[in-house]
Amino acid sequence: MTLPTPVLLTDRLRLRPFTENDAGPLFALHSNSYVMRYWDSPPWTEPARAKPFIATCRKMADEGTGARVAIDRASDGAFIGWCGLTGWNPVFRSASLGYVFDEAAWGHGYATEAAHALLRWAFDALDLNRVQAETDTRNVASARVLEKVGFVREGTLREDCVVNGEVSDSWVFGLIRREWQRCP
């Protein structure tokens, strides 16, 4: 079953499928060690890493396992990050949310706006019952984004990641349909 990647518009953003033209900005995003400091893998060092990432986005859509969208600022068309739902399970009606934004886009509410738009699409189009997300416990800003769109912190995964030799914990967040329906 395919899962066509949506094009979603908000007041300030355009969420869309990745194209080959996104390879450069995607590499710039994922090679920034400050942006990626809480991610579960080290920053990219080779520009060629962007092409398999984009191919994986297409493969997820073709296989019906998820949707990952590039995010452009509507005012100038600049690529500012991405947001995705992976691991879609139509039997359990569940998926996992993830996102990465360029440092210059932080603090403007873009992550909250994009996550909300993608979740709205997913709850409607995929008939989800549950969405899960994880964030490094040091990434308080990401935890705030998740809470703003209705996620509830459900627990802590202790020492679940080791990136660049540094051990870290992760918070697990969940959002279930009945709670989503109460969110604005």
N, C-alpha and C. Protein backbone atom coordinates (compact mmCIF):
# COMPACT_ATOMS: atom_id res chain seq x y z
N MET A 1 0.84 -1.19 0.00
CA MET A 1 0.00 0.00 0.00
C MET A 1 0.88 1.24 0.00
N THR A 2 0.65 2.14 -0.92
CA THR A 2 1.41 3.39 -0.94
C THR A 2 0.76 4.39 0.00
N LEU A 3 1.55 5.36 0.40
CA LEU A 3 1.09 6.41 1.28
C LEU A 3 1.62 7.73 0.70
N PRO A 4 0.87 8.35 -0.20
CA PRO A 4 1.37 9.56 -0.85
C PRO A 4 1.75 10.63 0.18
N THR A 5 2.94 11.17 0.01
CA THR A 5 3.41 12.23 0.89
C THR A 5 2.56 13.48 0.64
N PRO A 6 2.00 14.05 1.69
CA PRO A 6 1.09 15.18 1.48
C PRO A 6 1.82 16.49 1.20
N VAL A 7 1.10 17.41 0.63
CA VAL A 7 1.50 18.82 0.59
C VAL A 7 0.53 19.52 1.52
N LEU A 8 1.07 20.14 2.56
CA LEU A 8 0.24 20.81 3.57
C LEU A 8 0.66 22.26 3.68
N LEU A 9 -0.32 23.15 3.77
CA LEU A 9 -0.05 24.57 3.89
C LEU A 9 -0.57 25.07 5.23
N THR A 10 0.25 25.87 5.90
CA THR A 10 -0.18 26.55 7.11
C THR A 10 -0.05 28.04 6.85
N ASP A 11 -0.29 28.85 7.85
CA ASP A 11 -0.17 30.30 7.66
C ASP A 11 1.24 30.70 7.23
N ARG A 12 2.25 30.00 7.75
CA ARG A 12 3.64 30.42 7.49
C ARG A 12 4.51 29.38 6.83
N LEU A 13 3.98 28.16 6.62
CA LEU A 13 4.82 27.07 6.15
C LEU A 13 4.19 26.29 5.00
N ARG A 14 5.06 25.64 4.24
CA ARG A 14 4.64 24.68 3.21
C ARG A 14 5.37 23.38 3.51
N LEU A 15 4.61 22.33 3.78
CA LEU A 15 5.15 21.00 4.01
C LEU A 15 4.93 20.23 2.72
N ARG A 16 5.97 19.58 2.20
CA ARG A 16 5.91 18.99 0.86
C ARG A 16 6.86 17.80 0.77
N PRO A 17 6.68 16.97 -0.27
CA PRO A 17 7.63 15.87 -0.47
C PRO A 17 9.03 16.40 -0.77
N PHE A 18 10.04 15.65 -0.37
CA PHE A 18 11.42 16.00 -0.69
C PHE A 18 11.67 15.85 -2.18
N THR A 19 12.57 16.67 -2.72
CA THR A 19 13.04 16.56 -4.10
C THR A 19 14.56 16.48 -4.07
N GLU A 20 15.15 16.17 -5.21
CA GLU A 20 16.62 16.12 -5.30
C GLU A 20 17.24 17.48 -4.99
N ASN A 21 16.50 18.57 -5.23
CA ASN A 21 17.02 19.92 -4.96
C ASN A 21 17.21 20.17 -3.46
N ASP A 22 16.65 19.32 -2.62
CA ASP A 22 16.79 19.49 -1.18
C ASP A 22 18.09 18.91 -0.63
N ALA A 23 18.87 18.23 -1.46
CA ALA A 23 20.08 17.57 -0.97
C ALA A 23 21.04 18.54 -0.28
N GLY A 24 21.30 19.69 -0.89
CA GLY A 24 22.22 20.66 -0.30
C GLY A 24 21.75 21.20 1.05
N PRO A 25 20.53 21.76 1.10
CA PRO A 25 20.03 22.26 2.38
C PRO A 25 19.88 21.15 3.44
N LEU A 26 19.55 19.95 3.00
CA LEU A 26 19.42 18.83 3.94
C LEU A 26 20.77 18.47 4.54
N PHE A 27 21.82 18.45 3.69
CA PHE A 27 23.15 18.20 4.22
C PHE A 27 23.58 19.30 5.18
N ALA A 28 23.31 20.54 4.83
CA ALA A 28 23.67 21.66 5.72
C ALA A 28 23.00 21.49 7.08
N LEU A 29 21.75 21.07 7.08
CA LEU A 29 21.01 20.86 8.33
C LEU A 29 21.62 19.72 9.14
N HIS A 30 21.81 18.57 8.52
CA HIS A 30 22.27 17.38 9.24
C HIS A 30 23.77 17.37 9.52
N SER A 31 24.52 18.28 8.94
CA SER A 31 25.95 18.35 9.23
C SER A 31 26.26 19.37 10.32
N ASN A 32 25.26 20.11 10.76
CA ASN A 32 25.44 21.12 11.81
C ASN A 32 25.47 20.41 13.17
N SER A 33 26.64 20.36 13.77
CA SER A 33 26.80 19.61 15.03
C SER A 33 25.97 20.22 16.16
N TYR A 34 25.72 21.52 16.13
CA TYR A 34 24.90 22.13 17.18
C TYR A 34 23.44 21.72 17.02
N VAL A 35 22.93 21.71 15.80
CA VAL A 35 21.55 21.30 15.53
C VAL A 35 21.37 19.82 15.90
N MET A 36 22.35 18.99 15.59
CA MET A 36 22.24 17.55 15.76
C MET A 36 22.74 17.04 17.12
N ARG A 37 23.06 17.92 18.04
CA ARG A 37 23.67 17.49 19.30
C ARG A 37 22.80 16.57 20.13
N TYR A 38 21.48 16.61 19.96
CA TYR A 38 20.59 15.74 20.71
C TYR A 38 20.05 14.59 19.87
N TRP A 39 20.50 14.48 18.64
CA TRP A 39 20.01 13.44 17.73
C TRP A 39 20.64 12.11 18.10
N ASP A 40 20.04 11.02 17.64
CA ASP A 40 20.54 9.70 18.00
C ASP A 40 21.60 9.16 17.04
N SER A 41 22.15 10.03 16.21
CA SER A 41 23.29 9.66 15.36
C SER A 41 24.13 10.92 15.15
N PRO A 42 25.42 10.73 14.86
CA PRO A 42 26.29 11.90 14.72
C PRO A 42 25.96 12.72 13.47
N PRO A 43 26.41 13.97 13.46
CA PRO A 43 26.20 14.82 12.28
C PRO A 43 26.82 14.18 11.04
N TRP A 44 26.21 14.47 9.89
CA TRP A 44 26.73 13.98 8.63
C TRP A 44 28.05 14.66 8.31
N THR A 45 28.94 13.94 7.69
CA THR A 45 30.21 14.51 7.26
C THR A 45 30.36 14.48 5.74
N GLU A 46 29.49 13.75 5.06
CA GLU A 46 29.56 13.62 3.61
C GLU A 46 28.26 14.12 2.97
N PRO A 47 28.35 15.05 2.01
CA PRO A 47 27.15 15.53 1.33
C PRO A 47 26.33 14.40 0.68
N ALA A 48 26.99 13.33 0.31
CA ALA A 48 26.30 12.21 -0.35
C ALA A 48 25.26 11.55 0.56
N ARG A 49 25.30 11.80 1.86
CA ARG A 49 24.32 11.21 2.79
C ARG A 49 22.90 11.70 2.51
N ALA A 50 22.78 12.86 1.90
CA ALA A 50 21.45 13.42 1.66
C ALA A 50 20.65 12.61 0.64
N LYS A 51 21.31 12.07 -0.36
CA LYS A 51 20.58 11.33 -1.41
C LYS A 51 19.91 10.07 -0.86
N PRO A 52 20.58 9.24 -0.07
CA PRO A 52 19.87 8.07 0.49
C PRO A 52 18.73 8.47 1.44
N PHE A 53 18.89 9.58 2.14
CA PHE A 53 17.83 10.06 3.02
C PHE A 53 16.58 10.37 2.19
N ILE A 54 16.77 11.10 1.09
CA ILE A 54 15.66 11.45 0.21
C ILE A 54 15.06 10.19 -0.41
N ALA A 55 15.91 9.24 -0.80
CA ALA A 55 15.42 7.98 -1.36
C ALA A 55 14.61 7.21 -0.32
N THR A 56 15.03 7.25 0.93
CA THR A 56 14.29 6.59 2.00
C THR A 56 12.92 7.23 2.19
N CYS A 57 12.84 8.54 2.05
CA CYS A 57 11.55 9.23 2.14
C CYS A 57 10.60 8.70 1.06
N ARG A 58 11.10 8.57 -0.16
CA ARG A 58 10.27 8.03 -1.25
C ARG A 58 9.89 6.57 -0.99
N LYS A 59 10.84 5.79 -0.49
CA LYS A 59 10.58 4.38 -0.22
C LYS A 59 9.51 4.22 0.85
N MET A 60 9.57 5.06 1.91
CA MET A 60 8.53 5.00 2.95
C MET A 60 7.16 5.26 2.34
N ALA A 61 7.06 6.23 1.46
CA ALA A 61 5.78 6.54 0.81
C ALA A 61 5.33 5.38 -0.07
N ASP A 62 6.27 4.83 -0.84
CA ASP A 62 5.94 3.71 -1.73
C ASP A 62 5.49 2.48 -0.96
N GLU A 63 6.13 2.21 0.16
CA GLU A 63 5.81 1.03 0.97
C GLU A 63 4.66 1.28 1.94
N GLY A 64 4.27 2.54 2.09
CA GLY A 64 3.19 2.87 3.01
C GLY A 64 3.57 2.78 4.47
N THR A 65 4.86 3.04 4.78
CA THR A 65 5.30 2.95 6.17
C THR A 65 5.45 4.29 6.86
N GLY A 66 5.29 5.38 6.12
CA GLY A 66 5.43 6.70 6.75
C GLY A 66 5.42 7.81 5.73
N ALA A 67 5.53 9.01 6.24
CA ALA A 67 5.58 10.22 5.41
C ALA A 67 6.53 11.21 6.05
N ARG A 68 7.52 11.61 5.29
CA ARG A 68 8.48 12.61 5.78
C ARG A 68 8.42 13.78 4.82
N VAL A 69 8.22 14.99 5.35
CA VAL A 69 8.04 16.17 4.51
C VAL A 69 9.13 17.21 4.75
N ALA A 70 9.55 17.84 3.67
CA ALA A 70 10.43 19.00 3.75
C ALA A 70 9.56 20.19 4.16
N ILE A 71 10.16 21.13 4.87
CA ILE A 71 9.40 22.30 5.33
C ILE A 71 10.06 23.56 4.81
N ASP A 72 9.27 24.34 4.08
CA ASP A 72 9.73 25.63 3.56
C ASP A 72 8.95 26.74 4.26
N ARG A 73 9.63 27.85 4.49
CA ARG A 73 8.96 29.05 5.00
C ARG A 73 8.18 29.66 3.83
N ALA A 74 6.92 29.93 4.04
CA ALA A 74 6.07 30.44 2.96
C ALA A 74 6.51 31.82 2.47
N SER A 75 7.02 32.65 3.35
CA SER A 75 7.36 34.02 2.98
C SER A 75 8.48 34.11 1.96
N ASP A 76 9.44 33.18 2.00
CA ASP A 76 10.58 33.27 1.08
C ASP A 76 10.95 31.93 0.44
N GLY A 77 10.23 30.86 0.76
CA GLY A 77 10.51 29.56 0.17
C GLY A 77 11.74 28.85 0.72
N ALA A 78 12.35 29.40 1.78
CA ALA A 78 13.56 28.80 2.33
C ALA A 78 13.27 27.48 3.03
N PHE A 79 14.11 26.48 2.77
CA PHE A 79 14.05 25.20 3.46
C PHE A 79 14.50 25.41 4.90
N ILE A 80 13.65 25.05 5.86
CA ILE A 80 14.02 25.28 7.27
C ILE A 80 14.08 24.00 8.09
N GLY A 81 13.70 22.86 7.48
CA GLY A 81 13.78 21.61 8.22
C GLY A 81 12.85 20.56 7.65
N TRP A 82 12.60 19.55 8.46
CA TRP A 82 11.69 18.49 8.04
C TRP A 82 10.96 17.92 9.24
N CYS A 83 9.86 17.24 8.94
CA CYS A 83 9.03 16.62 9.95
C CYS A 83 8.53 15.31 9.35
N GLY A 84 8.40 14.29 10.16
CA GLY A 84 7.97 13.03 9.60
C GLY A 84 7.24 12.13 10.57
N LEU A 85 6.44 11.26 9.98
CA LEU A 85 5.78 10.18 10.71
C LEU A 85 6.33 8.89 10.13
N THR A 86 6.95 8.08 10.97
CA THR A 86 7.54 6.84 10.52
C THR A 86 6.92 5.67 11.28
N GLY A 87 7.20 4.49 10.79
CA GLY A 87 6.71 3.29 11.47
C GLY A 87 5.21 3.18 11.54
N TRP A 88 4.51 3.72 10.51
CA TRP A 88 3.05 3.66 10.53
C TRP A 88 2.61 2.21 10.55
N ASN A 89 1.79 1.86 11.51
CA ASN A 89 1.25 0.52 11.63
C ASN A 89 -0.27 0.61 11.53
N PRO A 90 -0.84 0.24 10.36
CA PRO A 90 -2.29 0.38 10.20
C PRO A 90 -3.10 -0.56 11.10
N VAL A 91 -2.49 -1.66 11.55
CA VAL A 91 -3.20 -2.57 12.45
C VAL A 91 -3.33 -1.95 13.83
N PHE A 92 -2.22 -1.44 14.35
CA PHE A 92 -2.23 -0.80 15.67
C PHE A 92 -2.67 0.67 15.59
N ARG A 93 -2.76 1.20 14.34
CA ARG A 93 -3.11 2.60 14.11
C ARG A 93 -2.16 3.53 14.87
N SER A 94 -0.86 3.28 14.68
CA SER A 94 0.16 4.05 15.39
C SER A 94 1.28 4.47 14.45
N ALA A 95 2.04 5.47 14.88
CA ALA A 95 3.20 5.96 14.14
C ALA A 95 4.09 6.74 15.11
N SER A 96 5.29 7.08 14.65
CA SER A 96 6.22 7.87 15.45
C SER A 96 6.51 9.19 14.75
N LEU A 97 6.55 10.26 15.53
CA LEU A 97 6.81 11.61 15.02
C LEU A 97 8.26 11.99 15.26
N GLY A 98 8.87 12.64 14.27
CA GLY A 98 10.22 13.19 14.42
C GLY A 98 10.34 14.46 13.61
N TYR A 99 11.30 15.30 13.97
CA TYR A 99 11.52 16.55 13.23
C TYR A 99 12.90 17.09 13.52
N VAL A 100 13.41 17.88 12.57
CA VAL A 100 14.69 18.59 12.73
C VAL A 100 14.52 19.94 12.04
N PHE A 101 14.93 20.99 12.73
CA PHE A 101 14.84 22.35 12.17
C PHE A 101 16.19 23.03 12.23
N ASP A 102 16.43 23.88 11.23
CA ASP A 102 17.63 24.69 11.19
C ASP A 102 17.66 25.62 12.40
N GLU A 103 18.83 25.84 12.90
CA GLU A 103 19.01 26.69 14.09
C GLU A 103 18.37 28.08 13.93
N ALA A 104 18.46 28.65 12.73
CA ALA A 104 17.87 29.98 12.49
C ALA A 104 16.35 29.97 12.59
N ALA A 105 15.75 28.78 12.50
CA ALA A 105 14.28 28.67 12.56
C ALA A 105 13.78 28.44 13.99
N TRP A 106 14.68 28.22 14.93
CA TRP A 106 14.28 27.95 16.30
C TRP A 106 13.66 29.19 16.94
N GLY A 107 12.73 28.97 17.83
CA GLY A 107 12.14 30.05 18.60
C GLY A 107 11.06 30.84 17.89
N HIS A 108 10.62 30.39 16.73
CA HIS A 108 9.60 31.10 15.96
C HIS A 108 8.27 30.34 15.91
N GLY A 109 8.20 29.19 16.56
CA GLY A 109 6.98 28.40 16.55
C GLY A 109 6.80 27.53 15.32
N TYR A 110 7.82 27.45 14.46
CA TYR A 110 7.70 26.67 13.23
C TYR A 110 7.54 25.18 13.50
N ALA A 111 8.29 24.65 14.46
CA ALA A 111 8.20 23.21 14.76
C ALA A 111 6.80 22.86 15.25
N THR A 112 6.25 23.69 16.11
CA THR A 112 4.90 23.45 16.62
C THR A 112 3.88 23.51 15.48
N GLU A 113 4.01 24.51 14.63
CA GLU A 113 3.09 24.68 13.50
C GLU A 113 3.17 23.51 12.52
N ALA A 114 4.39 23.08 12.21
CA ALA A 114 4.57 21.96 11.28
C ALA A 114 4.07 20.65 11.88
N ALA A 115 4.43 20.39 13.13
CA ALA A 115 3.99 19.15 13.78
C ALA A 115 2.47 19.10 13.86
N HIS A 116 1.86 20.21 14.18
CA HIS A 116 0.40 20.26 14.27
C HIS A 116 -0.24 19.94 12.91
N ALA A 117 0.30 20.53 11.84
CA ALA A 117 -0.25 20.28 10.50
C ALA A 117 -0.08 18.82 10.09
N LEU A 118 1.08 18.25 10.35
CA LEU A 118 1.31 16.86 9.97
C LEU A 118 0.45 15.92 10.81
N LEU A 119 0.30 16.22 12.09
CA LEU A 119 -0.55 15.39 12.95
C LEU A 119 -2.01 15.47 12.52
N ARG A 120 -2.48 16.67 12.18
CA ARG A 120 -3.86 16.81 11.71
C ARG A 120 -4.09 15.93 10.49
N TRP A 121 -3.17 15.99 9.53
CA TRP A 121 -3.27 15.14 8.34
C TRP A 121 -3.26 13.66 8.74
N ALA A 122 -2.34 13.28 9.61
CA ALA A 122 -2.17 11.87 9.96
C ALA A 122 -3.37 11.31 10.71
N PHE A 123 -3.90 12.06 11.67
CA PHE A 123 -5.07 11.55 12.39
C PHE A 123 -6.26 11.39 11.45
N ASP A 124 -6.40 12.30 10.48
CA ASP A 124 -7.50 12.21 9.53
C ASP A 124 -7.25 11.14 8.45
N ALA A 125 -6.11 11.21 7.77
CA ALA A 125 -5.83 10.34 6.62
C ALA A 125 -5.47 8.91 7.03
N LEU A 126 -4.78 8.76 8.15
CA LEU A 126 -4.30 7.44 8.55
C LEU A 126 -5.13 6.81 9.65
N ASP A 127 -6.13 7.55 10.13
CA ASP A 127 -6.98 7.05 11.20
C ASP A 127 -6.16 6.57 12.39
N LEU A 128 -5.16 7.36 12.77
CA LEU A 128 -4.29 6.98 13.88
C LEU A 128 -5.04 6.98 15.21
N ASN A 129 -4.62 6.12 16.09
CA ASN A 129 -5.07 6.15 17.47
C ASN A 129 -3.96 6.68 18.38
N ARG A 130 -2.70 6.43 18.01
CA ARG A 130 -1.58 6.84 18.86
C ARG A 130 -0.38 7.28 18.02
N VAL A 131 0.26 8.36 18.47
CA VAL A 131 1.53 8.80 17.90
C VAL A 131 2.50 8.89 19.06
N GLN A 132 3.70 8.37 18.83
CA GLN A 132 4.74 8.41 19.85
C GLN A 132 5.88 9.30 19.37
N ALA A 133 6.58 9.91 20.30
CA ALA A 133 7.76 10.70 19.98
C ALA A 133 8.76 10.53 21.12
N GLU A 134 10.03 10.66 20.78
CA GLU A 134 11.08 10.60 21.80
C GLU A 134 11.99 11.80 21.62
N THR A 135 12.50 12.29 22.73
CA THR A 135 13.47 13.38 22.67
C THR A 135 14.49 13.21 23.79
N ASP A 136 15.70 13.61 23.51
CA ASP A 136 16.75 13.59 24.52
C ASP A 136 16.29 14.44 25.70
N THR A 137 16.53 13.98 26.91
CA THR A 137 16.06 14.70 28.10
C THR A 137 16.70 16.08 28.23
N ARG A 138 17.80 16.31 27.56
CA ARG A 138 18.44 17.64 27.61
C ARG A 138 17.78 18.61 26.63
N ASN A 139 16.95 18.10 25.73
CA ASN A 139 16.34 18.93 24.69
C ASN A 139 14.97 19.42 25.16
N VAL A 140 15.00 20.35 26.08
CA VAL A 140 13.78 20.88 26.69
C VAL A 140 12.91 21.59 25.66
N ALA A 141 13.52 22.26 24.68
CA ALA A 141 12.74 22.96 23.66
C ALA A 141 11.90 21.98 22.84
N SER A 142 12.46 20.84 22.49
CA SER A 142 11.69 19.84 21.75
C SER A 142 10.57 19.28 22.60
N ALA A 143 10.83 19.06 23.88
CA ALA A 143 9.78 18.58 24.78
C ALA A 143 8.63 19.58 24.83
N ARG A 144 8.94 20.87 24.83
CA ARG A 144 7.90 21.90 24.85
C ARG A 144 7.06 21.86 23.57
N VAL A 145 7.72 21.65 22.43
CA VAL A 145 6.98 21.54 21.16
C VAL A 145 5.97 20.40 21.26
N LEU A 146 6.43 19.26 21.72
CA LEU A 146 5.54 18.09 21.81
C LEU A 146 4.37 18.37 22.74
N GLU A 147 4.64 18.99 23.87
CA GLU A 147 3.56 19.30 24.82
C GLU A 147 2.57 20.31 24.24
N LYS A 148 3.06 21.27 23.45
CA LYS A 148 2.17 22.27 22.84
C LYS A 148 1.18 21.65 21.87
N VAL A 149 1.57 20.55 21.21
CA VAL A 149 0.65 19.92 20.27
C VAL A 149 -0.13 18.77 20.91
N GLY A 150 -0.02 18.63 22.24
CA GLY A 150 -0.87 17.70 22.95
C GLY A 150 -0.23 16.43 23.48
N PHE A 151 1.05 16.21 23.22
CA PHE A 151 1.71 15.01 23.72
C PHE A 151 1.83 15.04 25.24
N VAL A 152 1.84 13.86 25.83
CA VAL A 152 2.01 13.68 27.27
C VAL A 152 3.30 12.88 27.48
N ARG A 153 4.15 13.35 28.40
CA ARG A 153 5.36 12.60 28.70
C ARG A 153 4.97 11.35 29.47
N GLU A 154 5.38 10.19 28.94
CA GLU A 154 4.96 8.92 29.52
C GLU A 154 6.07 8.21 30.28
N GLY A 155 7.31 8.58 30.04
CA GLY A 155 8.38 7.89 30.75
C GLY A 155 9.74 8.29 30.25
N THR A 156 10.75 7.66 30.82
CA THR A 156 12.14 7.93 30.48
C THR A 156 12.82 6.63 30.09
N LEU A 157 13.50 6.65 28.97
CA LEU A 157 14.36 5.54 28.56
C LEU A 157 15.76 5.88 29.05
N ARG A 158 16.21 5.16 30.04
CA ARG A 158 17.50 5.48 30.65
C ARG A 158 18.65 4.96 29.79
N GLU A 159 19.60 5.86 29.54
CA GLU A 159 20.82 5.55 28.81
C GLU A 159 20.53 4.76 27.53
N ASP A 160 19.57 5.25 26.77
CA ASP A 160 19.18 4.50 25.56
C ASP A 160 19.97 4.88 24.32
N CYS A 161 20.72 5.98 24.36
CA CYS A 161 21.51 6.39 23.20
C CYS A 161 22.95 6.64 23.61
N VAL A 162 23.86 6.32 22.70
CA VAL A 162 25.26 6.68 22.85
C VAL A 162 25.67 7.29 21.51
N VAL A 163 25.89 8.59 21.52
CA VAL A 163 26.27 9.30 20.31
C VAL A 163 27.59 10.01 20.57
N ASN A 164 28.55 9.75 19.71
CA ASN A 164 29.89 10.32 19.88
C ASN A 164 30.45 10.01 21.27
N GLY A 165 30.15 8.83 21.76
CA GLY A 165 30.67 8.40 23.06
C GLY A 165 29.93 8.95 24.26
N GLU A 166 28.89 9.74 24.04
CA GLU A 166 28.14 10.34 25.15
C GLU A 166 26.83 9.59 25.36
N VAL A 167 26.62 9.11 26.57
CA VAL A 167 25.41 8.38 26.92
C VAL A 167 24.32 9.39 27.29
N SER A 168 23.09 9.13 26.81
CA SER A 168 22.00 10.05 27.15
C SER A 168 20.70 9.28 27.36
N ASP A 169 19.80 9.92 28.08
CA ASP A 169 18.46 9.40 28.32
C ASP A 169 17.49 10.06 27.34
N SER A 170 16.35 9.41 27.13
CA SER A 170 15.30 9.98 26.28
C SER A 170 13.97 9.95 27.01
N TRP A 171 13.17 10.98 26.77
CA TRP A 171 11.79 10.98 27.23
C TRP A 171 10.93 10.39 26.13
N VAL A 172 9.93 9.61 26.53
CA VAL A 172 8.95 9.07 25.60
C VAL A 172 7.66 9.86 25.79
N PHE A 173 7.11 10.33 24.69
CA PHE A 173 5.86 11.08 24.70
C PHE A 173 4.83 10.32 23.88
N GLY A 174 3.57 10.43 24.27
CA GLY A 174 2.49 9.82 23.51
C GLY A 174 1.34 10.78 23.33
N LEU A 175 0.69 10.65 22.19
CA LEU A 175 -0.51 11.43 21.89
C LEU A 175 -1.55 10.45 21.36
N ILE A 176 -2.67 10.37 22.03
CA ILE A 176 -3.72 9.46 21.57
C ILE A 176 -4.89 10.26 21.01
N ARG A 177 -5.64 9.60 20.14
CA ARG A 177 -6.69 10.27 19.38
C ARG A 177 -7.63 11.10 20.26
N ARG A 178 -8.12 10.54 21.35
CA ARG A 178 -9.10 11.28 22.16
C ARG A 178 -8.48 12.54 22.76
N GLU A 179 -7.17 12.54 23.02
CA GLU A 179 -6.52 13.76 23.51
C GLU A 179 -6.31 14.74 22.37
N TRP A 180 -5.98 14.24 21.19
CA TRP A 180 -5.80 15.08 20.02
C TRP A 180 -7.08 15.83 19.70
N GLN A 181 -8.21 15.17 19.81
CA GLN A 181 -9.49 15.78 19.46
C GLN A 181 -9.81 16.95 20.37
N ARG A 182 -9.15 17.04 21.51
CA ARG A 182 -9.37 18.16 22.43
C ARG A 182 -8.40 19.30 22.16
N CYS A 183 -7.38 19.07 21.32
CA CYS A 183 -6.39 20.11 21.03
C CYS A 183 -6.94 21.08 20.00
N PRO A 184 -6.59 22.35 20.11
CA PRO A 184 -7.08 23.33 19.14
C PRO A 184 -6.46 23.12 17.77
